Protein backbone atom coordinates (compact mmCIF):
# COMPACT_ATOMS: atom_id res chain seq x y z
CA MET A 1 14.35 4.21 -10.11
CA LYS A 2 12.00 4.84 -7.19
CA THR A 3 9.87 1.84 -6.21
CA ALA A 4 7.00 1.96 -3.74
CA VAL A 5 5.01 -0.81 -2.15
CA VAL A 6 1.38 -0.02 -1.31
CA LEU A 7 -0.32 -1.84 1.52
CA PHE A 8 -4.03 -1.47 2.22
CA ASP A 9 -7.30 -3.37 2.04
CA PHE A 10 -8.20 -2.66 -1.60
CA ASN A 11 -11.86 -2.48 -2.58
CA TYR A 12 -12.37 -1.99 -6.30
CA GLY A 13 -15.89 -0.70 -5.67
CA ASP A 14 -14.43 2.32 -3.88
CA ILE A 15 -13.30 4.91 -6.44
CA SER A 16 -11.18 6.66 -3.80
CA HIS A 17 -8.95 3.56 -3.65
CA ILE A 18 -8.31 3.77 -7.38
CA LYS A 19 -7.67 7.51 -7.17
CA THR A 20 -5.22 6.86 -4.33
CA LEU A 21 -3.25 4.36 -6.40
CA ARG A 22 -3.16 6.72 -9.39
CA SER A 23 -1.96 9.60 -7.21
CA ILE A 24 0.79 7.50 -5.63
CA LYS A 25 1.93 6.27 -9.06
CA LYS A 26 2.54 9.89 -10.10
CA THR A 27 5.24 10.13 -7.40
CA VAL A 28 7.15 6.89 -8.14
CA ASP A 29 8.55 4.99 -11.10
CA LYS A 30 7.25 1.59 -10.04
CA LEU A 31 4.19 0.86 -7.90
CA ILE A 32 3.87 -2.60 -6.36
CA PHE A 33 0.73 -3.61 -4.48
CA ALA A 34 1.08 -6.01 -1.54
CA PHE A 35 -2.18 -7.96 -1.84
CA LYS A 36 -3.47 -9.80 1.21
CA ILE A 37 -5.32 -12.98 0.40
CA GLU A 38 -7.76 -13.72 3.19
CA PRO A 39 -8.72 -17.35 3.80
CA GLN A 40 -12.36 -16.22 3.97
CA ASN A 41 -13.96 -13.14 2.50
CA LYS A 42 -15.34 -10.47 4.76
CA MET A 43 -19.10 -10.07 4.56
CA GLY A 44 -20.02 -8.67 1.15
CA GLU A 45 -16.43 -8.46 -0.11
CA PRO A 46 -15.74 -9.68 -3.65
CA PRO A 47 -13.61 -12.84 -3.94
CA ALA A 48 -9.83 -12.33 -3.80
CA ILE A 49 -9.38 -13.45 -7.41
CA GLU A 50 -11.75 -10.71 -8.62
CA ARG A 51 -9.93 -8.03 -6.62
CA PHE A 52 -6.56 -9.38 -7.82
CA MET A 53 -7.65 -9.35 -11.47
CA TYR A 54 -9.01 -5.82 -11.14
CA LEU A 55 -5.78 -4.58 -9.56
CA ASP A 56 -3.81 -6.31 -12.30
CA SER A 57 -5.81 -4.42 -14.94
CA LEU A 58 -4.95 -0.98 -13.53
CA GLU A 59 -2.26 0.81 -15.53
CA CYS A 60 -0.97 2.53 -12.40
CA VAL A 61 -0.10 -0.81 -10.74
CA ASP A 62 3.17 -2.26 -12.03
CA GLY A 63 3.10 -5.45 -10.02
CA ILE A 64 1.25 -7.37 -7.32
CA ILE A 65 2.80 -9.41 -4.53
CA PRO A 66 0.23 -11.69 -2.89
CA TYR A 67 0.67 -12.62 0.77
CA CYS A 68 -1.35 -14.49 3.38
CA THR A 69 0.39 -14.10 6.72
CA GLU A 70 2.43 -11.56 8.66
CA PRO A 71 5.62 -13.63 8.09
CA ASP A 72 4.90 -13.37 4.34
CA LEU A 73 4.65 -9.61 4.71
CA HIS A 74 7.92 -9.50 6.65
CA SER A 75 9.52 -11.41 3.79
CA ILE A 76 8.32 -8.76 1.32
CA PHE A 77 9.88 -5.98 3.42
CA HIS A 78 13.15 -7.88 3.81
CA HIS A 79 13.61 -9.04 0.24
CA TYR A 80 11.93 -6.55 -2.06
CA ASP A 81 13.94 -3.58 -3.31
CA MET A 82 11.75 -0.63 -2.38
CA GLN A 83 12.42 2.94 -1.33
CA GLU A 84 8.93 3.84 -0.10
CA LEU A 85 5.98 2.20 1.62
CA TYR A 86 2.47 3.62 1.48
CA VAL A 87 -0.03 2.65 4.18
CA SER A 88 -3.33 4.05 5.42
CA ASP A 89 -3.14 7.03 7.77
CA ILE A 90 -4.94 4.97 10.41
CA TYR A 91 -1.47 3.50 11.11
CA SER A 92 0.32 6.84 11.45
CA LYS A 93 0.23 6.83 15.23
CA THR A 94 0.61 3.10 15.82
CA THR A 95 2.84 0.21 14.93
CA PHE A 96 2.13 -2.14 12.03
CA THR A 97 3.75 -5.21 10.52
CA GLY A 98 7.02 -4.23 8.88
CA LYS A 99 7.26 -0.70 10.28
CA ASP A 100 10.40 -1.63 12.22
CA ILE A 101 11.99 -3.13 9.10
CA CYS A 102 11.25 0.00 7.09
CA GLU A 103 12.71 2.27 9.76
CA LYS A 104 15.83 0.08 10.10
CA ASN A 105 16.39 0.03 6.32
CA ASP A 106 15.59 3.72 5.66
CA ILE A 107 12.47 2.90 3.66
CA GLU A 108 10.34 6.03 3.64
CA ILE A 109 6.89 5.45 5.13
CA ASN A 110 4.06 7.53 3.67
CA TYR A 111 0.58 7.62 5.15
CA PHE A 112 -2.41 8.25 2.92
CA SER A 113 -6.11 8.85 3.31
CA THR A 114 -8.63 7.22 0.99
CA SER A 115 -11.25 9.87 1.57
CA GLN A 116 -14.22 10.15 -0.78
CA VAL A 117 -13.62 13.90 -0.85
CA ALA A 118 -9.95 14.15 -1.74
CA PHE A 119 -6.66 12.30 -1.83
CA SER A 120 -3.86 13.34 0.46
CA TYR A 121 -0.76 11.73 1.76
CA HIS A 122 1.68 12.73 4.44
CA LYS A 123 5.42 12.40 4.06
CA LYS A 124 7.69 12.40 7.03
CA ASP A 125 10.46 14.96 6.80
CA SER A 126 13.17 16.14 9.17
CA THR A 127 10.79 18.55 10.91
CA GLY A 128 7.92 16.12 11.42
CA TRP A 129 4.85 15.40 9.37
CA LYS A 130 3.72 17.46 6.44
CA GLY A 131 0.60 17.13 4.33
C-alpha cells in the first residue's frame, strides 16, 4: 500500500487546493494531510478548527496529522510509515523541514503547483525532474 503525506498551507476557499488533493489521491492508496495549527490565524484566514473539519470531510483525505512546531513535523517524518511526501513547488529548489529525513529514508519527494489554471506535480526520477 502506497501512503503519501501532503504538506502545504491548506485554504478551503481555494478550489485549486481541493483539486490538488484529489489529484494526489489518484496516485496513492492512502493520503494523509499534515495540518499545521498556527497559534494565531493569519489575516483573513478561517480558524484552524474550520479548516481541519473541512479537510476531514474530504473523501480524498484518509487522515489528518495535526502539528504545531518543526520538531512535531520531524516526528511525523521519523515515525509515520510513508513512501511519498508532497510539498509545494516553491520548495523544489530549497531546503525545508524534513527534506533531509525523506532523502535519508528513501521517501519520494513530489513537488506540486496549486495553480488556478491546472494541477501539475513533478516527480524526481533518475534523470532529473519530470513534469
